[in-house]
Amino acid sequence: MPHILVLVKQVPDTNAKIVIGSDRVDLSAVKMVMSPYDEFAVETALRHKEASGGEVTALTVGGPAADKILKDAKAIGVDNIVRVDNAETLDSNGLQTVLFQAVQALGAEVVYCGKSAADTGAGSTGPGLAERLGWGSVSNIIGADFTSGVSVMAPSHGGQVKLSVPVPAVISCDKGNFKVRKPNVKGIMQAKRAKVDVHSFEAPAPSVVVVNHTLPPAKPAGKTYEGGDAAAEVAKLLREEANII
């Protein structure tokens, strides 16, 4: 029975208003949630367990505040919750190095994660971790089947491709063609009492440093045209400014 690991990350709510202060994003008043693609990774990991047995461990990297998303994962059915204690901002190399050590220490046989985090959108964690582990890797899956090993569906050339994935492997999940389960009252109560297993691993010094944050430029005001006499002008703008025609 496999030991299944699912990576989750705490990110700002995607509906939150972002404010810049002193050249940095100010998250002090922003609600923090589990990264949306990680929700599909948790669901896929739970389906793997239901089909093949074993245990699912949810893992995150962060400070004590990140325990909340681990409790959220516990409420919907994961067996164990683990946090690698590191409140620093890690670049991709640092994060993947820490995760590599955690996977080895926990003895996982398959790792699920979101295709990218909602805050950085880098999409490098799954493939980078697989490279360090020397495992197989498949990204952007939208479905999975566990009747005979691990088979996944992923987009390919405008369609879909079914892939057989030998484990050990790291599998990155896109928005799936299935619903993500929600916690019930019993699960929420059990999650409140659950203990987070805290580990510590050495991370290398960052090789990439954030200089500053800036908001994107404001969109220019729209233009309104009425009547047939404006058709030529509208066509010119669509061709020369919008590059639509």
Protein backbone atom coordinates (compact mmCIF):
# COMPACT_ATOMS: atom_id res chain seq x y z
CA MET A 1 0.00 0.00 0.00
CA PRO A 2 1.58 3.27 -1.11
CA HIS A 3 2.57 6.20 1.06
CA ILE A 4 1.07 9.13 -0.86
CA LEU A 5 2.34 12.67 -0.31
CA VAL A 6 0.46 15.79 -1.44
CA LEU A 7 2.10 19.21 -1.42
CA VAL A 8 -0.02 22.20 -0.41
CA LYS A 9 0.85 25.89 -0.23
CA GLN A 10 -0.67 28.82 1.61
CA VAL A 11 -1.34 31.75 -0.74
CA PRO A 12 -3.35 34.99 -0.68
CA ASP A 13 -7.05 34.61 -1.52
CA THR A 14 -7.32 35.11 -5.28
CA ASN A 15 -10.22 37.54 -4.68
CA ALA A 16 -8.20 39.72 -2.28
CA LYS A 17 -7.27 43.29 -3.12
CA ILE A 18 -3.50 43.55 -3.39
CA VAL A 19 -1.81 46.58 -1.84
CA ILE A 20 1.84 47.63 -2.30
CA GLY A 21 3.66 49.26 0.62
CA SER A 22 7.40 50.10 0.74
CA ASP A 23 8.02 48.27 -2.55
CA ARG A 24 6.52 45.05 -1.18
CA VAL A 25 3.10 43.40 -1.31
CA ASP A 26 1.33 44.02 2.00
CA LEU A 27 -0.39 40.79 3.05
CA SER A 28 -1.15 41.82 6.62
CA ALA A 29 -4.90 42.16 5.98
CA VAL A 30 -5.24 39.49 3.28
CA LYS A 31 -7.03 36.19 3.87
CA MET A 32 -4.72 33.22 3.25
CA VAL A 33 -6.03 30.03 1.64
CA MET A 34 -4.83 26.81 0.05
CA SER A 35 -3.64 27.37 -3.52
CA PRO A 36 -6.57 26.36 -5.79
CA TYR A 37 -4.67 23.83 -7.92
CA ASP A 38 -3.47 22.14 -4.73
CA GLU A 39 -7.12 21.36 -3.93
CA PHE A 40 -7.22 19.16 -7.04
CA ALA A 41 -3.95 17.55 -5.98
CA VAL A 42 -5.46 16.68 -2.57
CA GLU A 43 -8.56 15.24 -4.23
CA THR A 44 -6.46 13.12 -6.60
CA ALA A 45 -4.31 11.85 -3.72
CA LEU A 46 -7.41 10.84 -1.74
CA ARG A 47 -8.82 9.00 -4.77
CA HIS A 48 -5.51 7.17 -5.11
CA LYS A 49 -5.76 6.08 -1.47
CA GLU A 50 -9.38 4.96 -1.85
CA ALA A 51 -8.43 2.80 -4.84
CA SER A 52 -5.12 1.39 -3.62
CA GLY A 53 -5.05 1.77 0.16
CA GLY A 54 -2.16 3.32 2.02
CA GLU A 55 -2.00 6.74 3.67
CA VAL A 56 -2.05 10.33 2.44
CA THR A 57 0.21 12.91 4.05
CA ALA A 58 -0.27 16.63 3.33
CA LEU A 59 2.97 18.62 3.43
CA THR A 60 3.62 22.35 3.39
CA VAL A 61 6.61 24.63 3.91
CA GLY A 62 6.13 27.72 6.05
CA GLY A 63 5.69 29.18 9.49
CA PRO A 64 3.03 28.29 12.09
CA ALA A 65 0.37 30.30 10.24
CA ALA A 66 0.51 27.72 7.44
CA ASP A 67 -0.94 25.10 9.80
CA LYS A 68 -4.39 26.34 8.77
CA ILE A 69 -4.22 24.88 5.28
CA LEU A 70 -2.92 21.61 6.70
CA LYS A 71 -5.97 21.49 8.97
CA ASP A 72 -8.12 22.20 5.89
CA ALA A 73 -6.56 19.18 4.16
CA LYS A 74 -7.07 17.08 7.28
CA ALA A 75 -10.74 18.05 7.38
CA ILE A 76 -11.36 16.53 3.96
CA GLY A 77 -9.59 13.25 4.65
CA VAL A 78 -5.79 13.21 4.60
CA ASP A 79 -4.27 10.98 7.28
CA ASN A 80 -1.22 12.99 8.35
CA ILE A 81 -0.25 16.66 8.23
CA VAL A 82 3.39 17.79 8.14
CA ARG A 83 4.96 21.25 8.05
CA VAL A 84 8.57 21.99 7.22
CA ASP A 85 9.28 24.93 9.48
CA ASN A 86 10.68 27.75 7.35
CA ALA A 87 9.17 31.23 7.41
CA GLU A 88 11.72 32.67 4.97
CA THR A 89 10.94 33.42 1.34
CA LEU A 90 12.51 30.58 -0.65
CA ASP A 91 13.33 30.66 -4.33
CA SER A 92 12.57 27.62 -6.50
CA ASN A 93 15.94 26.02 -5.81
CA GLY A 94 15.57 26.42 -2.05
CA LEU A 95 11.99 25.15 -1.97
CA GLN A 96 12.74 22.10 -4.09
CA THR A 97 15.83 21.29 -2.02
CA VAL A 98 13.78 21.35 1.18
CA LEU A 99 10.99 19.29 -0.37
CA PHE A 100 13.53 16.75 -1.66
CA GLN A 101 14.78 16.22 1.90
CA ALA A 102 11.22 15.97 3.23
CA VAL A 103 10.13 13.37 0.66
CA GLN A 104 13.14 11.22 1.49
CA ALA A 105 12.58 11.56 5.24
CA LEU A 106 8.88 10.69 4.99
CA GLY A 107 9.40 7.76 2.65
CA ALA A 108 6.78 8.78 0.10
CA GLU A 109 6.29 6.70 -3.05
CA VAL A 110 4.20 9.14 -5.08
CA VAL A 111 3.87 12.91 -4.76
CA TYR A 112 0.96 15.04 -5.96
CA CYS A 113 1.01 18.83 -6.22
CA GLY A 114 -0.78 21.65 -8.00
CA LYS A 115 0.51 22.56 -11.46
CA SER A 116 1.47 26.01 -10.14
CA ALA A 117 0.96 28.18 -7.07
CA ALA A 118 -1.56 31.01 -7.26
CA ASP A 119 0.94 33.57 -5.93
CA THR A 120 4.01 32.87 -8.10
CA GLY A 121 2.61 30.88 -11.03
CA ALA A 122 6.08 29.41 -11.63
CA GLY A 123 4.98 25.80 -12.22
CA SER A 124 8.48 24.50 -11.46
CA THR A 125 7.95 22.63 -8.18
CA GLY A 126 6.67 19.31 -9.54
CA PRO A 127 9.20 18.84 -12.36
CA GLY A 128 12.06 20.25 -10.26
CA LEU A 129 11.34 17.92 -7.35
CA ALA A 130 11.10 14.93 -9.70
CA GLU A 131 14.48 15.84 -11.21
CA ARG A 132 16.11 15.89 -7.78
CA LEU A 133 14.52 12.59 -6.79
CA GLY A 134 15.28 10.92 -10.11
CA TRP A 135 11.58 10.01 -10.43
CA GLY A 136 9.18 10.10 -13.34
CA SER A 137 7.09 13.24 -13.77
CA VAL A 138 3.89 14.25 -15.52
CA SER A 139 2.30 17.69 -15.36
CA ASN A 140 -1.10 19.36 -15.81
CA ILE A 141 -3.16 16.22 -15.36
CA ILE A 142 -6.94 16.66 -15.39
CA GLY A 143 -7.95 13.14 -14.36
CA ALA A 144 -6.57 9.90 -12.95
CA ASP A 145 -7.49 6.24 -12.74
CA PHE A 146 -6.07 3.69 -10.30
CA THR A 147 -7.70 0.40 -11.36
CA SER A 148 -4.38 -0.90 -12.70
CA GLY A 149 -1.45 1.13 -11.45
CA VAL A 150 -1.59 4.89 -12.03
CA SER A 151 -3.02 6.25 -15.28
CA VAL A 152 -3.60 9.95 -15.87
CA MET A 153 -5.25 12.18 -18.45
CA ALA A 154 -3.45 15.33 -19.63
CA PRO A 155 -3.98 17.88 -22.41
CA SER A 156 -2.06 17.21 -25.62
CA HIS A 157 -2.14 18.91 -29.04
CA GLY A 158 -5.65 20.25 -28.63
CA GLY A 159 -6.96 16.96 -27.23
CA GLN A 160 -6.15 14.63 -24.37
CA VAL A 161 -3.63 11.86 -23.85
CA LYS A 162 -3.81 8.94 -21.41
CA LEU A 163 -0.51 8.12 -19.77
CA SER A 164 0.55 5.16 -17.64
CA VAL A 165 2.75 6.48 -14.83
CA PRO A 166 5.12 4.05 -13.09
CA VAL A 167 5.79 4.99 -9.49
CA PRO A 168 7.72 6.50 -7.84
CA ALA A 169 6.60 9.68 -9.59
CA VAL A 170 5.71 13.33 -9.05
CA ILE A 171 2.35 14.28 -10.58
CA SER A 172 1.23 17.90 -11.01
CA CYS A 173 -2.52 18.56 -11.14
CA ASP A 174 -4.54 21.06 -13.17
CA LYS A 175 -8.22 21.81 -12.64
CA GLY A 176 -9.74 18.36 -12.99
CA ASN A 177 -12.84 16.99 -14.65
CA PHE A 178 -14.18 16.10 -11.19
CA LYS A 179 -15.45 17.94 -8.13
CA VAL A 180 -13.23 18.58 -5.15
CA ARG A 181 -14.80 17.21 -1.98
CA LYS A 182 -15.74 19.53 0.87
CA PRO A 183 -15.25 18.94 4.62
CA ASN A 184 -18.13 17.77 6.79
CA VAL A 185 -18.69 18.68 10.44
CA LYS A 186 -16.98 15.52 11.70
CA GLY A 187 -13.92 16.19 9.57
CA ILE A 188 -13.69 19.80 10.74
CA MET A 189 -13.84 18.78 14.40
CA GLN A 190 -11.18 16.10 13.92
CA ALA A 191 -8.96 18.58 12.08
CA LYS A 192 -9.12 21.06 14.97
CA ARG A 193 -7.67 18.41 17.31
CA ALA A 194 -5.10 17.12 14.83
CA LYS A 195 -1.41 17.61 15.61
CA VAL A 196 0.90 19.03 12.97
CA ASP A 197 4.16 17.10 12.66
CA VAL A 198 6.87 19.76 12.34
CA HIS A 199 10.23 19.09 10.65
CA SER A 200 13.24 21.25 9.90
CA PHE A 201 15.56 20.96 6.91
CA GLU A 202 18.44 23.12 5.72
CA ALA A 203 17.71 25.38 2.74
CA PRO A 204 20.43 26.90 0.54
CA ALA A 205 20.87 30.65 0.37
CA PRO A 206 18.57 32.15 -2.27
CA SER A 207 20.11 32.67 -5.69
CA VAL A 208 17.22 34.91 -6.79
CA VAL A 209 16.28 37.96 -4.71
CA VAL A 210 13.11 40.03 -5.10
CA VAL A 211 14.08 43.68 -5.64
CA ASN A 212 10.59 45.18 -5.43
CA HIS A 213 6.93 44.62 -6.20
CA THR A 214 4.83 46.86 -8.44
CA LEU A 215 1.22 46.72 -9.54
CA PRO A 216 0.55 46.35 -13.28
CA PRO A 217 -0.19 49.62 -15.12
CA ALA A 218 -3.80 50.76 -15.05
CA LYS A 219 -5.81 49.94 -18.14
CA PRO A 220 -6.55 52.95 -20.35
CA ALA A 221 -10.09 54.25 -20.42
CA GLY A 222 -12.34 52.64 -22.99
CA LYS A 223 -13.59 54.38 -26.12
CA THR A 224 -17.20 54.54 -27.24
CA TYR A 225 -18.39 54.94 -30.83
CA GLU A 226 -21.96 55.21 -32.12
CA GLY A 227 -23.52 55.17 -35.56
CA GLY A 228 -22.44 53.86 -38.91
CA ASP A 229 -20.20 56.85 -39.59
CA ALA A 230 -17.76 55.55 -36.95
CA ALA A 231 -17.35 52.11 -38.58
CA ALA A 232 -14.19 53.02 -40.48
CA GLU A 233 -12.54 54.47 -37.38
CA VAL A 234 -13.50 51.41 -35.30
CA ALA A 235 -12.09 49.06 -37.95
CA LYS A 236 -8.84 51.06 -38.03
CA LEU A 237 -8.44 50.88 -34.23
CA LEU A 238 -9.21 47.13 -34.16
CA ARG A 239 -6.54 46.59 -36.80
CA GLU A 240 -3.79 48.98 -35.65
CA GLU A 241 -4.23 49.15 -31.87
CA ALA A 242 -6.01 45.97 -30.78
CA ASN A 243 -4.41 43.78 -33.51
CA ILE A 244 -7.68 41.84 -33.78
CA ILE A 245 -8.23 42.16 -37.55
